[in-house]
C-alpha cells in the first residue's frame, strides 16, 4: 500500500512538473453566455476551432500543451465557422506560460490573453532593413504604417484602431508609391512619422508589390522581427 502511495505521488509530481514546462492554451467559454446575444449566434460562435501543434481546440475543450521553443516560429490554424476557410496565424511559443482565448464580441473573432501579464499583449514589430532601398517601403500593421529607410530599424505597434479590436493583426511589407489620388489607392488610418510627433492621418498610397502578408498573434510584449534584405529581396521573420 505504501509503495503504491509513493508511486502515485511520484507520478503526480512528474505530471505537475511536465505541465509547468509547457505553454498552455485554453479557449474560455465561461463568458460566452454574457457576450453572445441570441441562441443562434451562440451556436455559430461555438463552431470556432483552433489547431495548435496538431491538437484541436474548441470553446471549453481541454487545455492544449505545447513545448516552448524560442528558436522557431509556430503556426496556429483558426476557423471561424464550419464553412469558413482556415486562417494561418504566426506566433512564437517561447515560454511556458498560460494563454487564454476569449471571444471578441465587437469583431466576431477572438483575443489572446497572457495570464502572467493579466492582459492582452499588443502587436509590436521591428521592421529591419539590411541594405539600401531604392524605392519607398512601408511596414504595415492592420491600418497603420511606418515608412522604412535604408539600413535602419523601425519598431512599431498597431495604432489608430478600436480599443475593442482583436490583438491578432495583419502584418505586411509593401513597396509603394506616393499619391494624392484616392481612386484605386490604399489608405492607412495613420502613418507613424516618429519623433513622438502626431501621426499623419488618412494617408493614401499605391502598392507596387507586397513582399509578405500574414496574421500575427503576440504572446507577450516581445517584438516580432521582420528583416528585409535588399540585395536578395528576401524577407526573414523571426
C-alpha atoms as a PDB file:
ATOM      1  CA  UNK A   1       0.000   0.000   0.000  1.00  0.00           C
ATOM      2  CA  UNK A   2       2.793   2.369   0.978  1.00  0.00           C
ATOM      3  CA  UNK A   3       4.609   1.572  -2.240  1.00  0.00           C
ATOM      4  CA  UNK A   4       1.506   2.420  -4.284  1.00  0.00           C
ATOM      5  CA  UNK A   5       1.135   5.766  -2.484  1.00  0.00           C
ATOM      6  CA  UNK A   6       4.781   6.604  -3.157  1.00  0.00           C
ATOM      7  CA  UNK A   7       4.398   5.723  -6.841  1.00  0.00           C
ATOM      8  CA  UNK A   8       1.210   7.786  -7.074  1.00  0.00           C
ATOM      9  CA  UNK A   9       2.834  10.896  -5.581  1.00  0.00           C
ATOM     10  CA  UNK A  10       5.903  10.439  -7.784  1.00  0.00           C
ATOM     11  CA  UNK A  11       3.643  10.277 -10.838  1.00  0.00           C
ATOM     12  CA  UNK A  12       1.684  13.341  -9.678  1.00  0.00           C
ATOM     13  CA  UNK A  13       4.863  15.334  -9.106  1.00  0.00           C
ATOM     14  CA  UNK A  14       6.225  14.347 -12.523  1.00  0.00           C
ATOM     15  CA  UNK A  15       2.933  15.311 -14.217  1.00  0.00           C
ATOM     16  CA  UNK A  16       2.846  18.708 -12.493  1.00  0.00           C
ATOM     17  CA  UNK A  17       6.496  19.353 -13.356  1.00  0.00           C
ATOM     18  CA  UNK A  18       5.942  18.493 -17.026  1.00  0.00           C
ATOM     19  CA  UNK A  19       2.822  20.674 -17.184  1.00  0.00           C
ATOM     20  CA  UNK A  20       4.782  23.597 -15.723  1.00  0.00           C
ATOM     21  CA  UNK A  21       7.336  23.250 -18.547  1.00  0.00           C
ATOM     22  CA  UNK A  22       4.760  23.622 -21.314  1.00  0.00           C
ATOM     23  CA  UNK A  23       2.857  26.546 -22.768  1.00  0.00           C
ATOM     24  CA  UNK A  24      -0.851  26.049 -22.100  1.00  0.00           C
ATOM     25  CA  UNK A  25      -3.684  27.281 -24.307  1.00  0.00           C
ATOM     26  CA  UNK A  26      -7.335  27.283 -23.298  1.00  0.00           C
ATOM     27  CA  UNK A  27     -10.454  28.697 -25.013  1.00  0.00           C
ATOM     28  CA  UNK A  28     -12.571  30.269 -22.251  1.00  0.00           C
ATOM     29  CA  UNK A  29     -16.284  29.506 -22.671  1.00  0.00           C
ATOM     30  CA  UNK A  30     -17.420  30.967 -19.331  1.00  0.00           C
ATOM     31  CA  UNK A  31     -18.265  34.418 -20.747  1.00  0.00           C
ATOM     32  CA  UNK A  32     -19.937  33.296 -23.953  1.00  0.00           C
ATOM     33  CA  UNK A  33     -23.441  33.417 -22.462  1.00  0.00           C
ATOM     34  CA  UNK A  34     -22.861  37.041 -21.473  1.00  0.00           C
ATOM     35  CA  UNK A  35     -21.001  38.181 -24.598  1.00  0.00           C
ATOM     36  CA  UNK A  36     -23.124  36.415 -27.217  1.00  0.00           C
ATOM     37  CA  UNK A  37     -26.710  37.528 -27.720  1.00  0.00           C
ATOM     38  CA  UNK A  38     -29.065  35.041 -29.345  1.00  0.00           C
ATOM     39  CA  UNK A  39     -29.001  31.252 -29.199  1.00  0.00           C
ATOM     40  CA  UNK A  40     -28.469  31.016 -32.959  1.00  0.00           C
ATOM     41  CA  UNK A  41     -25.470  33.347 -32.688  1.00  0.00           C
ATOM     42  CA  UNK A  42     -24.080  31.269 -29.826  1.00  0.00           C
ATOM     43  CA  UNK A  43     -24.375  28.128 -31.939  1.00  0.00           C
ATOM     44  CA  UNK A  44     -22.400  29.904 -34.676  1.00  0.00           C
ATOM     45  CA  UNK A  45     -19.695  31.061 -32.246  1.00  0.00           C
ATOM     46  CA  UNK A  46     -19.332  27.537 -30.851  1.00  0.00           C
ATOM     47  CA  UNK A  47     -18.226  26.413 -34.326  1.00  0.00           C
ATOM     48  CA  UNK A  48     -14.910  28.253 -33.868  1.00  0.00           C
ATOM     49  CA  UNK A  49     -11.953  25.888 -33.919  1.00  0.00           C
ATOM     50  CA  UNK A  50      -8.191  26.098 -33.463  1.00  0.00           C
ATOM     51  CA  UNK A  51      -5.356  23.707 -34.239  1.00  0.00           C
ATOM     52  CA  UNK A  52      -2.169  24.212 -32.207  1.00  0.00           C
ATOM     53  CA  UNK A  53       0.749  21.819 -32.637  1.00  0.00           C
ATOM     54  CA  UNK A  54      -1.627  19.324 -34.269  1.00  0.00           C
ATOM     55  CA  UNK A  55      -4.102  19.475 -31.357  1.00  0.00           C
ATOM     56  CA  UNK A  56      -7.682  20.629 -31.965  1.00  0.00           C
ATOM     57  CA  UNK A  57      -9.335  23.060 -29.584  1.00  0.00           C
ATOM     58  CA  UNK A  58     -12.865  24.493 -29.216  1.00  0.00           C
ATOM     59  CA  UNK A  59     -14.509  26.725 -26.624  1.00  0.00           C
ATOM     60  CA  UNK A  60     -14.317  24.923 -23.280  1.00  0.00           C
ATOM     61  CA  UNK A  61     -12.331  21.943 -24.569  1.00  0.00           C
ATOM     62  CA  UNK A  62      -9.251  20.517 -22.849  1.00  0.00           C
ATOM     63  CA  UNK A  63      -6.157  22.645 -22.433  1.00  0.00           C
ATOM     64  CA  UNK A  64      -3.596  22.277 -25.225  1.00  0.00           C
ATOM     65  CA  UNK A  65       0.015  21.818 -24.067  1.00  0.00           C
ATOM     66  CA  UNK A  66       2.931  22.836 -26.299  1.00  0.00           C
ATOM     67  CA  UNK A  67       6.656  22.564 -25.599  1.00  0.00           C
ATOM     68  CA  UNK A  68       8.145  26.080 -25.946  1.00  0.00           C
ATOM     69  CA  UNK A  69      10.932  26.751 -28.424  1.00  0.00           C
ATOM     70  CA  UNK A  70      12.250  30.314 -28.692  1.00  0.00           C
ATOM     71  CA  UNK A  71      14.252  29.465 -31.826  1.00  0.00           C
ATOM     72  CA  UNK A  72      11.346  28.864 -34.174  1.00  0.00           C
ATOM     73  CA  UNK A  73       8.046  30.394 -35.176  1.00  0.00           C
ATOM     74  CA  UNK A  74       4.822  28.493 -34.612  1.00  0.00           C
ATOM     75  CA  UNK A  75       1.563  28.412 -36.527  1.00  0.00           C
ATOM     76  CA  UNK A  76      -1.951  28.405 -35.149  1.00  0.00           C
ATOM     77  CA  UNK A  77      -4.760  27.455 -37.522  1.00  0.00           C
ATOM     78  CA  UNK A  78      -8.112  29.122 -36.883  1.00  0.00           C
ATOM     79  CA  UNK A  79     -11.532  28.568 -38.452  1.00  0.00           C
ATOM     80  CA  UNK A  80     -14.336  30.990 -37.536  1.00  0.00           C
ATOM     81  CA  UNK A  81     -17.139  28.608 -38.538  1.00  0.00           C
ATOM     82  CA  UNK A  82     -17.598  25.186 -40.098  1.00  0.00           C
ATOM     83  CA  UNK A  83     -17.998  26.775 -43.549  1.00  0.00           C
ATOM     84  CA  UNK A  84     -15.014  29.119 -43.192  1.00  0.00           C
ATOM     85  CA  UNK A  85     -11.553  28.604 -44.571  1.00  0.00           C
ATOM     86  CA  UNK A  86      -8.662  28.020 -42.193  1.00  0.00           C
ATOM     87  CA  UNK A  87      -6.618  31.109 -41.307  1.00  0.00           C
ATOM     88  CA  UNK A  88      -2.917  30.666 -40.586  1.00  0.00           C
ATOM     89  CA  UNK A  89      -1.635  32.758 -37.672  1.00  0.00           C
ATOM     90  CA  UNK A  90       2.059  33.125 -36.826  1.00  0.00           C
ATOM     91  CA  UNK A  91       3.266  33.284 -33.232  1.00  0.00           C
ATOM     92  CA  UNK A  92       6.329  32.347 -31.185  1.00  0.00           C
ATOM     93  CA  UNK A  93       5.634  29.916 -28.346  1.00  0.00           C
ATOM     94  CA  UNK A  94       8.847  30.641 -26.451  1.00  0.00           C
ATOM     95  CA  UNK A  95       7.822  30.478 -22.773  1.00  0.00           C
ATOM     96  CA  UNK A  96       5.941  28.007 -20.552  1.00  0.00           C
ATOM     97  CA  UNK A  97       3.099  30.401 -19.790  1.00  0.00           C
ATOM     98  CA  UNK A  98      -0.692  30.222 -19.762  1.00  0.00           C
ATOM     99  CA  UNK A  99      -2.692  31.772 -22.608  1.00  0.00           C
ATOM    100  CA  UNK A 100      -6.455  32.148 -22.822  1.00  0.00           C
ATOM    101  CA  UNK A 101      -8.522  32.690 -25.942  1.00  0.00           C
ATOM    102  CA  UNK A 102     -11.517  34.953 -25.245  1.00  0.00           C
ATOM    103  CA  UNK A 103     -14.412  35.786 -27.550  1.00  0.00           C
ATOM    104  CA  UNK A 104     -14.349  39.246 -29.153  1.00  0.00           C
ATOM    105  CA  UNK A 105     -17.983  40.317 -29.365  1.00  0.00           C
ATOM    106  CA  UNK A 106     -17.055  43.505 -31.227  1.00  0.00           C
ATOM    107  CA  UNK A 107     -15.441  41.884 -34.246  1.00  0.00           C
ATOM    108  CA  UNK A 108     -16.700  38.310 -34.074  1.00  0.00           C
ATOM    109  CA  UNK A 109     -13.283  36.724 -33.586  1.00  0.00           C
ATOM    110  CA  UNK A 110     -11.084  36.321 -30.500  1.00  0.00           C
ATOM    111  CA  UNK A 111      -8.481  37.912 -28.250  1.00  0.00           C
ATOM    112  CA  UNK A 112      -5.433  36.262 -26.708  1.00  0.00           C
ATOM    113  CA  UNK A 113      -4.834  36.952 -23.001  1.00  0.00           C
ATOM    114  CA  UNK A 114      -1.499  36.290 -21.310  1.00  0.00           C
ATOM    115  CA  UNK A 115      -2.337  35.192 -17.765  1.00  0.00           C
ATOM    116  CA  UNK A 116       1.037  36.215 -16.338  1.00  0.00           C
ATOM    117  CA  UNK A 117       0.546  39.731 -17.711  1.00  0.00           C
ATOM    118  CA  UNK A 118      -3.146  39.689 -16.742  1.00  0.00           C
ATOM    119  CA  UNK A 119      -3.855  41.378 -20.036  1.00  0.00           C
ATOM    120  CA  UNK A 120      -3.790  41.304 -23.812  1.00  0.00           C
ATOM    121  CA  UNK A 121      -0.341  41.693 -25.430  1.00  0.00           C
ATOM    122  CA  UNK A 122      -0.014  44.356 -28.122  1.00  0.00           C
ATOM    123  CA  UNK A 123       1.455  43.611 -31.529  1.00  0.00           C
ATOM    124  CA  UNK A 124       4.960  45.050 -31.801  1.00  0.00           C
ATOM    125  CA  UNK A 125       7.132  44.604 -34.885  1.00  0.00           C
ATOM    126  CA  UNK A 126      10.763  45.535 -35.543  1.00  0.00           C
ATOM    127  CA  UNK A 127      10.821  46.342 -39.262  1.00  0.00           C
ATOM    128  CA  UNK A 128      14.515  45.993 -40.102  1.00  0.00           C
ATOM    129  CA  UNK A 129      16.117  46.905 -43.452  1.00  0.00           C
ATOM    130  CA  UNK A 130      19.549  45.468 -44.317  1.00  0.00           C
ATOM    131  CA  UNK A 131      20.994  47.424 -47.244  1.00  0.00           C
ATOM    132  CA  UNK A 132      19.993  50.362 -49.402  1.00  0.00           C
ATOM    133  CA  UNK A 133      16.415  50.977 -50.511  1.00  0.00           C
ATOM    134  CA  UNK A 134      15.992  52.497 -53.962  1.00  0.00           C
ATOM    135  CA  UNK A 135      12.215  52.855 -53.695  1.00  0.00           C
ATOM    136  CA  UNK A 136       9.853  53.660 -50.784  1.00  0.00           C
ATOM    137  CA  UNK A 137       8.772  50.806 -48.487  1.00  0.00           C
ATOM    138  CA  UNK A 138       6.092  50.580 -45.815  1.00  0.00           C
ATOM    139  CA  UNK A 139       5.862  48.387 -42.753  1.00  0.00           C
ATOM    140  CA  UNK A 140       2.145  47.864 -42.090  1.00  0.00           C
ATOM    141  CA  UNK A 141       0.202  46.616 -39.065  1.00  0.00           C
ATOM    142  CA  UNK A 142      -3.510  46.490 -39.925  1.00  0.00           C
ATOM    143  CA  UNK A 143      -4.418  50.080 -40.899  1.00  0.00           C
ATOM    144  CA  UNK A 144      -1.310  51.813 -39.545  1.00  0.00           C
ATOM    145  CA  UNK A 145       2.101  52.018 -41.162  1.00  0.00           C
ATOM    146  CA  UNK A 146       5.634  53.366 -40.997  1.00  0.00           C
ATOM    147  CA  UNK A 147       7.897  54.354 -43.884  1.00  0.00           C
ATOM    148  CA  UNK A 148      11.150  52.406 -43.842  1.00  0.00           C
ATOM    149  CA  UNK A 149      14.649  53.728 -44.530  1.00  0.00           C
ATOM    150  CA  UNK A 150      17.901  52.106 -45.654  1.00  0.00           C
ATOM    151  CA  UNK A 151      19.880  50.194 -43.011  1.00  0.00           C
ATOM    152  CA  UNK A 152      17.517  51.091 -40.172  1.00  0.00           C
ATOM    153  CA  UNK A 153      15.117  49.507 -37.706  1.00  0.00           C
ATOM    154  CA  UNK A 154      11.642  50.900 -37.084  1.00  0.00           C
ATOM    155  CA  UNK A 155       9.817  49.494 -34.071  1.00  0.00           C
ATOM    156  CA  UNK A 156       6.085  49.879 -34.415  1.00  0.00           C
ATOM    157  CA  UNK A 157       2.879  48.830 -32.711  1.00  0.00           C
ATOM    158  CA  UNK A 158      -0.670  48.893 -34.043  1.00  0.00           C
ATOM    159  CA  UNK A 159      -2.157  52.382 -33.882  1.00  0.00           C
ATOM    160  CA  UNK A 160      -5.376  54.204 -34.808  1.00  0.00           C
ATOM    161  CA  UNK A 161      -7.602  51.211 -34.160  1.00  0.00           C
ATOM    162  CA  UNK A 162     -10.581  50.488 -31.985  1.00  0.00           C
ATOM    163  CA  UNK A 163      -9.875  49.605 -28.354  1.00  0.00           C
ATOM    164  CA  UNK A 164     -12.220  46.652 -28.927  1.00  0.00           C
ATOM    165  CA  UNK A 165     -10.192  45.284 -31.852  1.00  0.00           C
ATOM    166  CA  UNK A 166      -8.539  41.880 -31.523  1.00  0.00           C
ATOM    167  CA  UNK A 167      -4.820  41.734 -30.759  1.00  0.00           C
ATOM    168  CA  UNK A 168      -4.341  39.405 -33.740  1.00  0.00           C
ATOM    169  CA  UNK A 169      -3.198  41.661 -36.604  1.00  0.00           C
ATOM    170  CA  UNK A 170      -2.201  41.617 -40.260  1.00  0.00           C
ATOM    171  CA  UNK A 171       1.495  42.421 -40.733  1.00  0.00           C
ATOM    172  CA  UNK A 172       2.770  43.401 -44.175  1.00  0.00           C
ATOM    173  CA  UNK A 173       5.817  44.709 -46.011  1.00  0.00           C
ATOM    174  CA  UNK A 174       4.966  46.748 -49.094  1.00  0.00           C
ATOM    175  CA  UNK A 175       6.883  48.582 -51.788  1.00  0.00           C
ATOM    176  CA  UNK A 176       4.764  51.628 -52.590  1.00  0.00           C
ATOM    177  CA  UNK A 177       4.473  54.928 -54.420  1.00  0.00           C
ATOM    178  CA  UNK A 178       3.133  58.226 -53.147  1.00  0.00           C
ATOM    179  CA  UNK A 179      -0.162  59.538 -54.481  1.00  0.00           C
ATOM    180  CA  UNK A 180      -2.740  62.204 -53.729  1.00  0.00           C
ATOM    181  CA  UNK A 181      -5.351  60.462 -55.869  1.00  0.00           C
ATOM    182  CA  UNK A 182      -7.771  58.456 -53.731  1.00  0.00           C
ATOM    183  CA  UNK A 183      -9.088  56.420 -56.670  1.00  0.00           C
ATOM    184  CA  UNK A 184      -7.516  52.961 -56.784  1.00  0.00           C
ATOM    185  CA  UNK A 185      -5.367  53.706 -53.748  1.00  0.00           C
ATOM    186  CA  UNK A 186      -4.916  52.140 -50.344  1.00  0.00           C
ATOM    187  CA  UNK A 187      -5.419  54.192 -47.216  1.00  0.00           C
ATOM    188  CA  UNK A 188      -3.693  53.951 -43.873  1.00  0.00           C
ATOM    189  CA  UNK A 189      -5.654  55.294 -40.943  1.00  0.00           C
ATOM    190  CA  UNK A 190      -2.359  56.730 -39.732  1.00  0.00           C
ATOM    191  CA  UNK A 191       1.294  56.857 -40.748  1.00  0.00           C
ATOM    192  CA  UNK A 192       3.847  56.863 -37.916  1.00  0.00           C
ATOM    193  CA  UNK A 193       6.429  59.584 -38.597  1.00  0.00           C
ATOM    194  CA  UNK A 194       8.398  59.045 -35.387  1.00  0.00           C
ATOM    195  CA  UNK A 195       9.984  61.527 -33.055  1.00  0.00           C
ATOM    196  CA  UNK A 196       6.997  61.464 -30.729  1.00  0.00           C
ATOM    197  CA  UNK A 197       5.062  63.507 -33.282  1.00  0.00           C
ATOM    198  CA  UNK A 198       1.403  63.151 -34.157  1.00  0.00           C
ATOM    199  CA  UNK A 199       0.916  60.593 -36.962  1.00  0.00           C
ATOM    200  CA  UNK A 200      -0.280  61.535 -40.428  1.00  0.00           C
ATOM    201  CA  UNK A 201      -3.935  60.543 -40.720  1.00  0.00           C
ATOM    202  CA  UNK A 202      -5.752  59.189 -43.815  1.00  0.00           C
ATOM    203  CA  UNK A 203      -2.544  58.522 -45.735  1.00  0.00           C
ATOM    204  CA  UNK A 204      -3.079  57.358 -49.340  1.00  0.00           C
ATOM    205  CA  UNK A 205      -0.609  55.300 -51.360  1.00  0.00           C
ATOM    206  CA  UNK A 206      -0.386  52.773 -54.184  1.00  0.00           C
ATOM    207  CA  UNK A 207       1.186  49.367 -53.725  1.00  0.00           C
ATOM    208  CA  UNK A 208       3.823  48.296 -56.229  1.00  0.00           C
ATOM    209  CA  UNK A 209       4.499  44.949 -54.592  1.00  0.00           C
ATOM    210  CA  UNK A 210       3.598  43.172 -51.360  1.00  0.00           C
ATOM    211  CA  UNK A 211       6.630  41.209 -50.145  1.00  0.00           C
ATOM    212  CA  UNK A 212       4.896  39.480 -47.259  1.00  0.00           C
ATOM    213  CA  UNK A 213       1.470  39.493 -45.588  1.00  0.00           C
ATOM    214  CA  UNK A 214       0.445  37.354 -42.620  1.00  0.00           C
ATOM    215  CA  UNK A 215      -1.592  37.243 -39.429  1.00  0.00           C
ATOM    216  CA  UNK A 216       0.405  37.594 -36.222  1.00  0.00           C
ATOM    217  CA  UNK A 217      -0.628  36.768 -32.647  1.00  0.00           C
ATOM    218  CA  UNK A 218       1.605  38.251 -29.919  1.00  0.00           C
ATOM    219  CA  UNK A 219       2.053  36.108 -26.811  1.00  0.00           C
ATOM    220  CA  UNK A 220       3.863  38.831 -24.840  1.00  0.00           C
ATOM    221  CA  UNK A 221       5.392  42.268 -25.455  1.00  0.00           C
ATOM    222  CA  UNK A 222       8.493  40.918 -27.258  1.00  0.00           C
ATOM    223  CA  UNK A 223       8.622  42.449 -30.758  1.00  0.00           C
ATOM    224  CA  UNK A 224       8.492  40.230 -33.812  1.00  0.00           C
ATOM    225  CA  UNK A 225      11.431  40.937 -36.129  1.00  0.00           C
ATOM    226  CA  UNK A 226      10.745  41.322 -39.850  1.00  0.00           C
ATOM    227  CA  UNK A 227      14.024  41.645 -41.765  1.00  0.00           C
ATOM    228  CA  UNK A 228      14.162  42.772 -45.397  1.00  0.00           C
ATOM    229  CA  UNK A 229      17.431  42.034 -47.220  1.00  0.00           C
ATOM    230  CA  UNK A 230      17.604  44.494 -50.098  1.00  0.00           C
ATOM    231  CA  UNK A 231      20.163  42.645 -52.258  1.00  0.00           C
ATOM    232  CA  UNK A 232      18.327  39.326 -52.315  1.00  0.00           C
ATOM    233  CA  UNK A 233      14.840  40.938 -51.857  1.00  0.00           C
ATOM    234  CA  UNK A 234      14.334  38.304 -49.183  1.00  0.00           C
ATOM    235  CA  UNK A 235      12.120  38.609 -46.103  1.00  0.00           C
ATOM    236  CA  UNK A 236      13.148  36.856 -42.882  1.00  0.00           C
ATOM    237  CA  UNK A 237      10.675  36.663 -39.974  1.00  0.00           C
ATOM    238  CA  UNK A 238      11.921  35.716 -36.518  1.00  0.00           C
END
